[in-house]
Amino acid sequence: MTVNMTKGQAISLEKSDGGTLTAVRMGLGWQAAKRRGLFGSRTREIDLDASAVLFAGKEPQDVAFFQQLVSKDGSVRHTGDNLVGGVGQGGDDEAILVDLARVPVHIDQIVFTVNSFTGQTFQEVQNAFCRIVDETNGQELARYTLDGGGAYTAQIMAKVHRVGSGWQMTALGIPANGRTFQDLLSAIASHV
């Protein structure tokens, strides 16, 4: 059963049988918004990039993104860059796999961001979402949908963080500006 999350909402990442999740996929999907023009409606390709920044306390330690597909410890893996979006027709356009059992013990949070590498704003994006999927069985656990676009080029989407011996996901949905995750580090700092 999928939980449709709202900004600021947190959910436990325990399995319904009480077991602990071992691997999750953060999926990101989007489409270019149709624009009316002189000769009808058209779309412009949108290159959004998903990133996962691994934190120990408030300090970034590692990352998985389109230029470094696997974190140095191997626990987080980006599946590859999608330059246009909408390919999945509602499915994931980019995905980041997290092997929760392999995340080093000093890493207490993984923050997921999305950036418009080409500088287009979210006013030009529609049907954008991020979702958490149990990678062992393909079951969608939670989905956070971006409602409406804004004059920003990035969003701090969500974070997965340790709570006791398990993990929890919190939908953040914080607008920001920047072409890459590096541009967002100061904005992320106040939310870790």
N, C-alpha and C. Protein backbone atom coordinates (compact mmCIF):
# COMPACT_ATOMS: atom_id res chain seq x y z
N MET A 1 0.83 -1.17 0.00
CA MET A 1 0.00 0.00 0.00
C MET A 1 0.88 1.24 0.00
N THR A 2 0.67 2.13 -0.96
CA THR A 2 1.46 3.34 -1.10
C THR A 2 0.93 4.44 -0.19
N VAL A 3 1.83 5.15 0.45
CA VAL A 3 1.47 6.34 1.23
C VAL A 3 1.75 7.55 0.34
N ASN A 4 0.73 8.37 0.06
CA ASN A 4 0.92 9.62 -0.65
C ASN A 4 1.30 10.67 0.36
N MET A 5 2.55 11.10 0.30
CA MET A 5 3.10 11.98 1.32
C MET A 5 2.85 13.45 1.02
N THR A 6 2.80 14.22 2.09
CA THR A 6 2.73 15.67 1.98
C THR A 6 4.03 16.24 2.52
N LYS A 7 4.32 17.47 2.15
CA LYS A 7 5.54 18.13 2.57
C LYS A 7 5.68 18.07 4.08
N GLY A 8 6.84 17.62 4.56
CA GLY A 8 7.11 17.51 5.98
C GLY A 8 6.69 16.21 6.63
N GLN A 9 5.92 15.39 5.93
CA GLN A 9 5.45 14.12 6.48
C GLN A 9 6.59 13.10 6.52
N ALA A 10 6.61 12.29 7.58
CA ALA A 10 7.62 11.24 7.73
C ALA A 10 6.92 9.89 7.87
N ILE A 11 7.53 8.87 7.29
CA ILE A 11 7.01 7.50 7.45
C ILE A 11 8.17 6.57 7.77
N SER A 12 7.86 5.52 8.49
CA SER A 12 8.84 4.49 8.81
C SER A 12 9.08 3.62 7.59
N LEU A 13 10.30 3.18 7.39
CA LEU A 13 10.60 2.29 6.29
C LEU A 13 10.74 0.85 6.77
N GLU A 14 9.79 0.44 7.61
CA GLU A 14 9.71 -0.96 8.02
C GLU A 14 8.73 -1.66 7.11
N LYS A 15 8.96 -2.94 6.90
CA LYS A 15 8.02 -3.73 6.10
C LYS A 15 6.73 -3.93 6.88
N SER A 16 5.66 -4.20 6.16
CA SER A 16 4.36 -4.38 6.81
C SER A 16 4.37 -5.56 7.78
N ASP A 17 5.26 -6.53 7.57
CA ASP A 17 5.34 -7.67 8.48
C ASP A 17 6.24 -7.39 9.69
N GLY A 18 6.71 -6.14 9.80
CA GLY A 18 7.56 -5.76 10.93
C GLY A 18 9.04 -5.91 10.66
N GLY A 19 9.39 -6.51 9.53
CA GLY A 19 10.80 -6.66 9.17
C GLY A 19 11.39 -5.33 8.72
N THR A 20 12.68 -5.33 8.55
CA THR A 20 13.38 -4.12 8.14
C THR A 20 13.68 -4.16 6.65
N LEU A 21 13.49 -3.05 6.00
CA LEU A 21 13.86 -2.96 4.58
C LEU A 21 15.37 -3.04 4.45
N THR A 22 15.83 -3.72 3.42
CA THR A 22 17.26 -3.83 3.19
C THR A 22 17.72 -3.05 1.98
N ALA A 23 16.83 -2.83 1.01
CA ALA A 23 17.20 -2.09 -0.20
C ALA A 23 15.99 -1.33 -0.71
N VAL A 24 16.20 -0.05 -1.02
CA VAL A 24 15.12 0.77 -1.55
C VAL A 24 15.59 1.48 -2.82
N ARG A 25 14.62 1.87 -3.61
CA ARG A 25 14.89 2.66 -4.82
C ARG A 25 14.14 3.98 -4.68
N MET A 26 14.87 5.07 -4.85
CA MET A 26 14.23 6.38 -4.93
C MET A 26 14.07 6.66 -6.40
N GLY A 27 12.83 6.66 -6.87
CA GLY A 27 12.55 6.92 -8.28
C GLY A 27 12.11 8.36 -8.47
N LEU A 28 12.50 8.93 -9.58
CA LEU A 28 12.12 10.30 -9.92
C LEU A 28 11.53 10.30 -11.31
N GLY A 29 10.40 10.95 -11.48
CA GLY A 29 9.77 11.05 -12.79
C GLY A 29 9.29 12.46 -13.04
N TRP A 30 9.22 12.84 -14.32
CA TRP A 30 8.74 14.17 -14.69
C TRP A 30 8.41 14.21 -16.17
N GLN A 31 7.70 15.24 -16.55
CA GLN A 31 7.41 15.51 -17.96
C GLN A 31 7.57 17.00 -18.19
N ALA A 32 7.89 17.35 -19.42
CA ALA A 32 7.93 18.76 -19.79
C ALA A 32 6.50 19.26 -19.93
N ALA A 33 6.23 20.43 -19.39
CA ALA A 33 4.90 21.02 -19.50
C ALA A 33 4.68 21.50 -20.94
N LYS A 34 3.48 21.27 -21.43
CA LYS A 34 3.14 21.75 -22.78
C LYS A 34 3.01 23.26 -22.75
N ARG A 35 3.50 23.89 -23.80
CA ARG A 35 3.42 25.34 -23.93
C ARG A 35 2.66 25.67 -25.19
N ARG A 36 1.78 26.61 -25.08
CA ARG A 36 1.02 27.05 -26.26
C ARG A 36 1.88 28.00 -27.07
N GLY A 37 1.88 27.78 -28.34
CA GLY A 37 2.62 28.65 -29.23
C GLY A 37 1.75 29.05 -30.41
N LEU A 38 2.31 29.75 -31.32
CA LEU A 38 1.59 30.24 -32.49
C LEU A 38 1.04 29.08 -33.33
N PHE A 39 1.77 27.97 -33.35
CA PHE A 39 1.39 26.82 -34.18
C PHE A 39 0.92 25.63 -33.34
N GLY A 40 0.29 25.90 -32.21
CA GLY A 40 -0.22 24.82 -31.34
C GLY A 40 0.65 24.65 -30.12
N SER A 41 0.45 23.53 -29.40
CA SER A 41 1.24 23.30 -28.19
C SER A 41 2.48 22.48 -28.53
N ARG A 42 3.51 22.70 -27.74
CA ARG A 42 4.77 21.98 -27.92
C ARG A 42 5.41 21.80 -26.55
N THR A 43 6.38 20.92 -26.50
CA THR A 43 7.14 20.74 -25.27
C THR A 43 8.62 20.95 -25.57
N ARG A 44 9.34 21.32 -24.54
CA ARG A 44 10.78 21.49 -24.62
C ARG A 44 11.40 20.45 -23.70
N GLU A 45 12.46 19.78 -24.12
CA GLU A 45 13.06 18.76 -23.28
C GLU A 45 13.60 19.37 -21.99
N ILE A 46 13.42 18.65 -20.91
CA ILE A 46 13.86 19.10 -19.59
C ILE A 46 14.84 18.07 -19.05
N ASP A 47 16.03 18.51 -18.69
CA ASP A 47 17.06 17.62 -18.13
C ASP A 47 17.11 17.83 -16.62
N LEU A 48 16.35 17.01 -15.88
CA LEU A 48 16.43 17.03 -14.43
C LEU A 48 17.41 15.95 -13.99
N ASP A 49 18.12 16.22 -12.92
CA ASP A 49 19.11 15.27 -12.41
C ASP A 49 18.84 14.97 -10.95
N ALA A 50 18.74 13.68 -10.63
CA ALA A 50 18.57 13.24 -9.26
C ALA A 50 19.94 12.99 -8.64
N SER A 51 20.07 13.33 -7.37
CA SER A 51 21.31 13.09 -6.63
C SER A 51 20.96 12.59 -5.24
N ALA A 52 21.87 11.83 -4.65
CA ALA A 52 21.74 11.38 -3.26
C ALA A 52 23.02 11.78 -2.54
N VAL A 53 22.87 12.63 -1.52
CA VAL A 53 24.02 13.10 -0.75
C VAL A 53 23.99 12.41 0.60
N LEU A 54 25.07 11.74 0.95
CA LEU A 54 25.17 10.99 2.20
C LEU A 54 25.80 11.89 3.26
N PHE A 55 25.14 11.98 4.43
CA PHE A 55 25.60 12.85 5.51
C PHE A 55 25.94 12.05 6.75
N ALA A 56 26.95 12.52 7.47
CA ALA A 56 27.27 12.09 8.83
C ALA A 56 27.08 13.34 9.68
N GLY A 57 26.01 13.36 10.45
CA GLY A 57 25.67 14.61 11.14
C GLY A 57 25.29 15.64 10.10
N LYS A 58 25.91 16.80 10.17
CA LYS A 58 25.63 17.87 9.20
C LYS A 58 26.67 17.95 8.09
N GLU A 59 27.58 17.00 8.04
CA GLU A 59 28.67 17.05 7.08
C GLU A 59 28.44 16.08 5.91
N PRO A 60 28.44 16.58 4.67
CA PRO A 60 28.34 15.68 3.51
C PRO A 60 29.58 14.80 3.42
N GLN A 61 29.38 13.51 3.20
CA GLN A 61 30.48 12.56 3.16
C GLN A 61 30.69 11.93 1.78
N ASP A 62 29.61 11.79 1.03
CA ASP A 62 29.69 11.07 -0.24
C ASP A 62 28.46 11.44 -1.06
N VAL A 63 28.42 11.00 -2.31
CA VAL A 63 27.31 11.34 -3.19
C VAL A 63 27.20 10.31 -4.30
N ALA A 64 26.00 10.16 -4.82
CA ALA A 64 25.76 9.42 -6.07
C ALA A 64 24.95 10.36 -6.95
N PHE A 65 25.46 10.64 -8.16
CA PHE A 65 24.76 11.51 -9.10
C PHE A 65 25.26 11.18 -10.50
N PHE A 66 24.82 11.92 -11.51
CA PHE A 66 25.08 11.53 -12.89
C PHE A 66 26.56 11.48 -13.25
N GLN A 67 27.44 12.17 -12.52
CA GLN A 67 28.87 12.12 -12.82
C GLN A 67 29.63 11.16 -11.92
N GLN A 68 28.99 10.65 -10.89
CA GLN A 68 29.57 9.62 -10.01
C GLN A 68 28.42 8.68 -9.66
N LEU A 69 28.25 7.65 -10.47
CA LEU A 69 27.06 6.81 -10.36
C LEU A 69 27.01 5.94 -9.11
N VAL A 70 28.15 5.71 -8.47
CA VAL A 70 28.17 4.86 -7.28
C VAL A 70 28.92 5.58 -6.16
N SER A 71 28.32 5.58 -4.96
CA SER A 71 29.01 6.18 -3.81
C SER A 71 30.30 5.40 -3.56
N LYS A 72 31.26 6.04 -2.92
CA LYS A 72 32.58 5.41 -2.70
C LYS A 72 32.48 4.11 -1.92
N ASP A 73 31.51 4.02 -1.01
CA ASP A 73 31.35 2.78 -0.24
C ASP A 73 30.51 1.74 -0.96
N GLY A 74 29.89 2.10 -2.09
CA GLY A 74 29.11 1.16 -2.89
C GLY A 74 27.68 0.95 -2.42
N SER A 75 27.24 1.65 -1.38
CA SER A 75 25.89 1.41 -0.85
C SER A 75 24.80 2.15 -1.63
N VAL A 76 25.17 3.18 -2.39
CA VAL A 76 24.19 3.97 -3.14
C VAL A 76 24.62 3.99 -4.60
N ARG A 77 23.64 3.69 -5.50
CA ARG A 77 23.96 3.60 -6.92
C ARG A 77 22.91 4.32 -7.75
N HIS A 78 23.35 5.25 -8.57
CA HIS A 78 22.49 5.98 -9.52
C HIS A 78 22.43 5.13 -10.78
N THR A 79 21.24 4.95 -11.35
CA THR A 79 21.11 4.05 -12.51
C THR A 79 21.42 4.71 -13.84
N GLY A 80 21.66 6.02 -13.85
CA GLY A 80 22.04 6.68 -15.09
C GLY A 80 21.22 7.93 -15.36
N ASP A 81 21.77 8.79 -16.19
CA ASP A 81 21.21 10.10 -16.47
C ASP A 81 20.15 10.03 -17.57
N ASN A 82 19.00 10.65 -17.33
CA ASN A 82 17.95 10.80 -18.34
C ASN A 82 17.93 12.28 -18.71
N LEU A 83 18.12 12.58 -19.97
CA LEU A 83 18.27 13.97 -20.39
C LEU A 83 16.96 14.65 -20.78
N VAL A 84 15.85 13.90 -20.85
CA VAL A 84 14.62 14.50 -21.36
C VAL A 84 13.39 14.30 -20.48
N GLY A 85 13.33 13.29 -19.66
CA GLY A 85 12.15 13.01 -18.84
C GLY A 85 11.00 12.49 -19.66
N GLY A 86 9.97 12.02 -18.97
CA GLY A 86 8.77 11.55 -19.64
C GLY A 86 8.89 10.22 -20.34
N VAL A 87 10.08 9.63 -20.33
CA VAL A 87 10.30 8.37 -21.04
C VAL A 87 9.47 7.25 -20.41
N GLY A 88 9.38 7.26 -19.08
CA GLY A 88 8.67 6.20 -18.38
C GLY A 88 7.17 6.30 -18.44
N GLN A 89 6.62 7.34 -19.06
CA GLN A 89 5.16 7.51 -19.14
C GLN A 89 4.54 7.32 -17.77
N GLY A 90 5.07 8.01 -16.78
CA GLY A 90 4.57 7.90 -15.42
C GLY A 90 5.46 7.05 -14.55
N GLY A 91 6.42 6.36 -15.14
CA GLY A 91 7.37 5.56 -14.38
C GLY A 91 8.59 6.40 -14.02
N ASP A 92 9.61 5.75 -13.51
CA ASP A 92 10.82 6.45 -13.10
C ASP A 92 11.66 6.84 -14.31
N ASP A 93 12.05 8.11 -14.35
CA ASP A 93 12.96 8.58 -15.39
C ASP A 93 14.40 8.45 -14.91
N GLU A 94 14.64 8.65 -13.64
CA GLU A 94 15.94 8.39 -13.02
C GLU A 94 15.67 7.66 -11.72
N ALA A 95 16.63 6.85 -11.30
CA ALA A 95 16.46 6.11 -10.05
C ALA A 95 17.79 6.01 -9.32
N ILE A 96 17.70 5.99 -8.00
CA ILE A 96 18.87 5.81 -7.15
C ILE A 96 18.56 4.65 -6.22
N LEU A 97 19.42 3.64 -6.25
CA LEU A 97 19.25 2.44 -5.43
C LEU A 97 20.08 2.58 -4.16
N VAL A 98 19.47 2.28 -3.02
CA VAL A 98 20.16 2.38 -1.73
C VAL A 98 20.10 1.03 -1.05
N ASP A 99 21.28 0.44 -0.82
CA ASP A 99 21.39 -0.81 -0.07
C ASP A 99 21.53 -0.42 1.40
N LEU A 100 20.40 -0.31 2.09
CA LEU A 100 20.39 0.19 3.46
C LEU A 100 21.29 -0.62 4.39
N ALA A 101 21.39 -1.91 4.14
CA ALA A 101 22.21 -2.76 4.98
C ALA A 101 23.70 -2.46 4.82
N ARG A 102 24.09 -1.88 3.68
CA ARG A 102 25.51 -1.57 3.42
C ARG A 102 25.89 -0.14 3.73
N VAL A 103 24.91 0.72 4.02
CA VAL A 103 25.24 2.11 4.33
C VAL A 103 26.11 2.11 5.59
N PRO A 104 27.29 2.73 5.55
CA PRO A 104 28.17 2.75 6.73
C PRO A 104 27.47 3.33 7.95
N VAL A 105 27.81 2.83 9.13
CA VAL A 105 27.11 3.21 10.36
C VAL A 105 27.24 4.70 10.66
N HIS A 106 28.30 5.35 10.21
CA HIS A 106 28.44 6.79 10.50
C HIS A 106 27.55 7.66 9.62
N ILE A 107 27.01 7.10 8.54
CA ILE A 107 26.08 7.84 7.67
C ILE A 107 24.70 7.74 8.31
N ASP A 108 24.14 8.89 8.70
CA ASP A 108 22.84 8.86 9.36
C ASP A 108 21.72 9.44 8.52
N GLN A 109 22.04 10.07 7.37
CA GLN A 109 21.01 10.62 6.51
C GLN A 109 21.46 10.57 5.05
N ILE A 110 20.51 10.36 4.19
CA ILE A 110 20.74 10.44 2.75
C ILE A 110 19.68 11.40 2.21
N VAL A 111 20.13 12.51 1.63
CA VAL A 111 19.22 13.54 1.14
C VAL A 111 19.14 13.43 -0.38
N PHE A 112 17.91 13.40 -0.91
CA PHE A 112 17.68 13.29 -2.35
C PHE A 112 17.30 14.65 -2.90
N THR A 113 18.00 15.04 -3.96
CA THR A 113 17.73 16.33 -4.59
C THR A 113 17.44 16.12 -6.07
N VAL A 114 16.84 17.14 -6.66
CA VAL A 114 16.63 17.15 -8.11
C VAL A 114 16.96 18.55 -8.59
N ASN A 115 17.74 18.62 -9.67
CA ASN A 115 18.18 19.89 -10.23
C ASN A 115 17.88 19.94 -11.72
N SER A 116 17.61 21.14 -12.21
CA SER A 116 17.50 21.36 -13.65
C SER A 116 18.87 21.75 -14.15
N PHE A 117 19.57 20.79 -14.74
CA PHE A 117 20.95 21.03 -15.17
C PHE A 117 21.02 22.11 -16.24
N THR A 118 19.98 22.20 -17.06
CA THR A 118 19.97 23.18 -18.14
C THR A 118 19.40 24.53 -17.70
N GLY A 119 19.00 24.64 -16.42
CA GLY A 119 18.56 25.92 -15.88
C GLY A 119 17.10 26.25 -16.08
N GLN A 120 16.33 25.33 -16.64
CA GLN A 120 14.89 25.58 -16.77
C GLN A 120 14.25 25.52 -15.39
N THR A 121 13.20 26.29 -15.19
CA THR A 121 12.55 26.30 -13.88
C THR A 121 11.48 25.22 -13.81
N PHE A 122 11.00 24.97 -12.62
CA PHE A 122 9.96 23.97 -12.42
C PHE A 122 8.61 24.43 -12.97
N GLN A 123 8.51 25.67 -13.42
CA GLN A 123 7.31 26.12 -14.13
C GLN A 123 7.18 25.38 -15.46
N GLU A 124 8.29 24.84 -15.96
CA GLU A 124 8.30 24.13 -17.23
C GLU A 124 8.20 22.61 -17.05
N VAL A 125 7.95 22.17 -15.82
CA VAL A 125 7.88 20.74 -15.49
C VAL A 125 6.47 20.42 -15.01
N GLN A 126 5.97 19.25 -15.39
CA GLN A 126 4.68 18.79 -14.87
C GLN A 126 4.80 17.33 -14.48
N ASN A 127 3.88 16.89 -13.65
CA ASN A 127 3.79 15.49 -13.21
C ASN A 127 5.10 15.00 -12.60
N ALA A 128 5.79 15.85 -11.84
CA ALA A 128 7.04 15.44 -11.20
C ALA A 128 6.74 14.76 -9.87
N PHE A 129 7.50 13.71 -9.57
CA PHE A 129 7.31 12.97 -8.32
C PHE A 129 8.61 12.30 -7.92
N CYS A 130 8.69 11.95 -6.65
CA CYS A 130 9.71 11.01 -6.21
C CYS A 130 8.97 9.93 -5.43
N ARG A 131 9.52 8.75 -5.43
CA ARG A 131 8.86 7.64 -4.74
C ARG A 131 9.91 6.70 -4.17
N ILE A 132 9.54 6.02 -3.11
CA ILE A 132 10.39 5.01 -2.49
C ILE A 132 9.76 3.65 -2.79
N VAL A 133 10.58 2.75 -3.30
CA VAL A 133 10.14 1.40 -3.66
C VAL A 133 10.99 0.39 -2.90
N ASP A 134 10.34 -0.64 -2.34
CA ASP A 134 11.07 -1.76 -1.74
C ASP A 134 11.72 -2.51 -2.90
N GLU A 135 13.01 -2.43 -3.01
CA GLU A 135 13.72 -3.00 -4.15
C GLU A 135 13.68 -4.52 -4.17
N THR A 136 13.40 -5.16 -3.04
CA THR A 136 13.36 -6.62 -3.00
C THR A 136 12.10 -7.19 -3.64
N ASN A 137 10.99 -6.41 -3.65
CA ASN A 137 9.76 -6.95 -4.23
C ASN A 137 9.06 -5.99 -5.19
N GLY A 138 9.61 -4.79 -5.39
CA GLY A 138 9.04 -3.83 -6.33
C GLY A 138 7.83 -3.06 -5.81
N GLN A 139 7.48 -3.24 -4.53
CA GLN A 139 6.31 -2.57 -3.98
C GLN A 139 6.62 -1.10 -3.68
N GLU A 140 5.78 -0.21 -4.20
CA GLU A 140 5.92 1.21 -3.90
C GLU A 140 5.44 1.45 -2.47
N LEU A 141 6.29 2.11 -1.68
CA LEU A 141 5.97 2.36 -0.28
C LEU A 141 5.44 3.77 -0.05
N ALA A 142 6.03 4.73 -0.74
CA ALA A 142 5.64 6.12 -0.54
C ALA A 142 5.90 6.91 -1.81
N ARG A 143 5.09 7.93 -2.00
CA ARG A 143 5.21 8.81 -3.17
C ARG A 143 5.00 10.24 -2.72
N TYR A 144 5.85 11.13 -3.22
CA TYR A 144 5.70 12.55 -2.96
C TYR A 144 5.60 13.24 -4.32
N THR A 145 4.46 13.88 -4.57
CA THR A 145 4.20 14.54 -5.85
C THR A 145 4.43 16.03 -5.70
N LEU A 146 5.15 16.59 -6.66
CA LEU A 146 5.38 18.04 -6.67
C LEU A 146 4.15 18.72 -7.24
N ASP A 147 3.49 19.48 -6.45
CA ASP A 147 2.30 20.20 -6.91
C ASP A 147 2.70 21.58 -7.41
N GLY A 148 2.36 21.87 -8.64
CA GLY A 148 2.64 23.20 -9.18
C GLY A 148 4.11 23.44 -9.38
N GLY A 149 4.45 24.29 -10.30
CA GLY A 149 5.84 24.63 -10.55
C GLY A 149 6.14 26.00 -10.00
N GLY A 150 7.38 26.29 -9.92
CA GLY A 150 7.79 27.59 -9.41
C GLY A 150 9.00 28.09 -10.17
N ALA A 151 9.41 29.29 -9.85
CA ALA A 151 10.54 29.92 -10.53
C ALA A 151 11.85 29.52 -9.87
N TYR A 152 12.01 28.24 -9.58
CA TYR A 152 13.23 27.71 -9.00
C TYR A 152 13.74 26.59 -9.90
N THR A 153 15.02 26.27 -9.79
CA THR A 153 15.65 25.28 -10.66
C THR A 153 16.02 23.99 -9.95
N ALA A 154 15.69 23.87 -8.68
CA ALA A 154 16.04 22.67 -7.93
C ALA A 154 15.04 22.45 -6.82
N GLN A 155 15.08 21.25 -6.27
CA GLN A 155 14.24 20.94 -5.14
C GLN A 155 14.96 19.91 -4.27
N ILE A 156 14.94 20.17 -2.97
CA ILE A 156 15.42 19.17 -2.00
C ILE A 156 14.20 18.31 -1.72
N MET A 157 14.17 17.13 -2.32
CA MET A 157 12.95 16.32 -2.37
C MET A 157 12.61 15.62 -1.05
N ALA A 158 13.56 14.84 -0.56
CA ALA A 158 13.26 13.98 0.58
C ALA A 158 14.56 13.54 1.23
N LYS A 159 14.43 13.00 2.42
CA LYS A 159 15.61 12.39 3.04
C LYS A 159 15.21 11.07 3.68
N VAL A 160 16.16 10.16 3.70
CA VAL A 160 16.03 8.90 4.40
C VAL A 160 17.03 8.98 5.55
N HIS A 161 16.56 8.78 6.78
CA HIS A 161 17.45 8.95 7.92
C HIS A 161 17.23 7.85 8.94
N ARG A 162 18.28 7.60 9.71
CA ARG A 162 18.22 6.55 10.73
C ARG A 162 17.36 6.99 11.91
N VAL A 163 16.55 6.06 12.38
CA VAL A 163 15.77 6.24 13.60
C VAL A 163 15.92 4.93 14.36
N GLY A 164 16.67 4.96 15.45
CA GLY A 164 16.95 3.74 16.18
C GLY A 164 17.71 2.78 15.28
N SER A 165 17.21 1.56 15.16
CA SER A 165 17.88 0.56 14.31
C SER A 165 17.31 0.52 12.89
N GLY A 166 16.31 1.38 12.62
CA GLY A 166 15.69 1.37 11.31
C GLY A 166 15.87 2.69 10.57
N TRP A 167 15.08 2.87 9.53
CA TRP A 167 15.15 4.04 8.69
C TRP A 167 13.77 4.67 8.56
N GLN A 168 13.75 5.95 8.29
CA GLN A 168 12.51 6.70 8.10
C GLN A 168 12.71 7.61 6.89
N MET A 169 11.62 7.87 6.17
CA MET A 169 11.67 8.81 5.05
C MET A 169 10.85 10.03 5.42
N THR A 170 11.39 11.21 5.11
CA THR A 170 10.68 12.46 5.31
C THR A 170 10.62 13.21 3.98
N ALA A 171 9.42 13.59 3.57
CA ALA A 171 9.24 14.40 2.36
C ALA A 171 9.60 15.83 2.72
N LEU A 172 10.52 16.44 1.97
CA LEU A 172 10.95 17.80 2.27
C LEU A 172 10.32 18.82 1.32
N GLY A 173 10.45 18.61 0.02
CA GLY A 173 9.83 19.49 -0.96
C GLY A 173 10.25 20.95 -0.83
N ILE A 174 11.53 21.19 -0.66
CA ILE A 174 12.04 22.54 -0.44
C ILE A 174 12.58 23.11 -1.75
N PRO A 175 11.98 24.19 -2.26
CA PRO A 175 12.49 24.81 -3.49
C PRO A 175 13.87 25.41 -3.26
N ALA A 176 14.70 25.36 -4.29
CA ALA A 176 16.05 25.91 -4.21
C ALA A 176 16.49 26.27 -5.63
N ASN A 177 17.68 26.79 -5.73
CA ASN A 177 18.22 27.12 -7.04
C ASN A 177 19.62 26.55 -7.18
N GLY A 178 19.89 25.98 -8.34
CA GLY A 178 21.21 25.43 -8.61
C GLY A 178 21.13 24.39 -9.71
N ARG A 179 22.24 24.22 -10.42
CA ARG A 179 22.31 23.26 -11.51
C ARG A 179 22.75 21.87 -11.06
N THR A 180 23.45 21.79 -9.91
CA THR A 180 23.94 20.51 -9.40
C THR A 180 23.72 20.44 -7.89
N PHE A 181 23.93 19.27 -7.32
CA PHE A 181 23.76 19.11 -5.88
C PHE A 181 24.72 20.01 -5.12
N GLN A 182 25.92 20.26 -5.66
CA GLN A 182 26.89 21.11 -4.97
C GLN A 182 26.32 22.51 -4.71
N ASP A 183 25.51 23.00 -5.64
CA ASP A 183 24.90 24.32 -5.49
C ASP A 183 23.89 24.35 -4.35
N LEU A 184 23.44 23.19 -3.90
CA LEU A 184 22.38 23.11 -2.89
C LEU A 184 22.89 22.82 -1.49
N LEU A 185 24.17 22.56 -1.33
CA LEU A 185 24.67 22.11 -0.02
C LEU A 185 24.34 23.07 1.11
N SER A 186 24.43 24.37 0.89
CA SER A 186 24.10 25.29 1.98
C SER A 186 22.60 25.25 2.27
N ALA A 187 21.75 25.08 1.27
CA ALA A 187 20.31 24.97 1.50
C ALA A 187 19.96 23.67 2.22
N ILE A 188 20.66 22.59 1.89
CA ILE A 188 20.42 21.31 2.54
C ILE A 188 20.80 21.35 4.01
N ALA A 189 21.87 22.07 4.33
CA ALA A 189 22.44 22.08 5.69
C ALA A 189 21.42 22.37 6.77
N SER A 190 20.45 23.23 6.49
CA SER A 190 19.47 23.56 7.53
C SER A 190 18.38 22.51 7.68
N HIS A 191 18.43 21.44 6.88
CA HIS A 191 17.39 20.41 6.94
C HIS A 191 17.93 19.03 7.29
N VAL A 192 19.21 18.96 7.68
CA VAL A 192 19.78 17.68 8.12
C VAL A 192 20.00 17.69 9.61
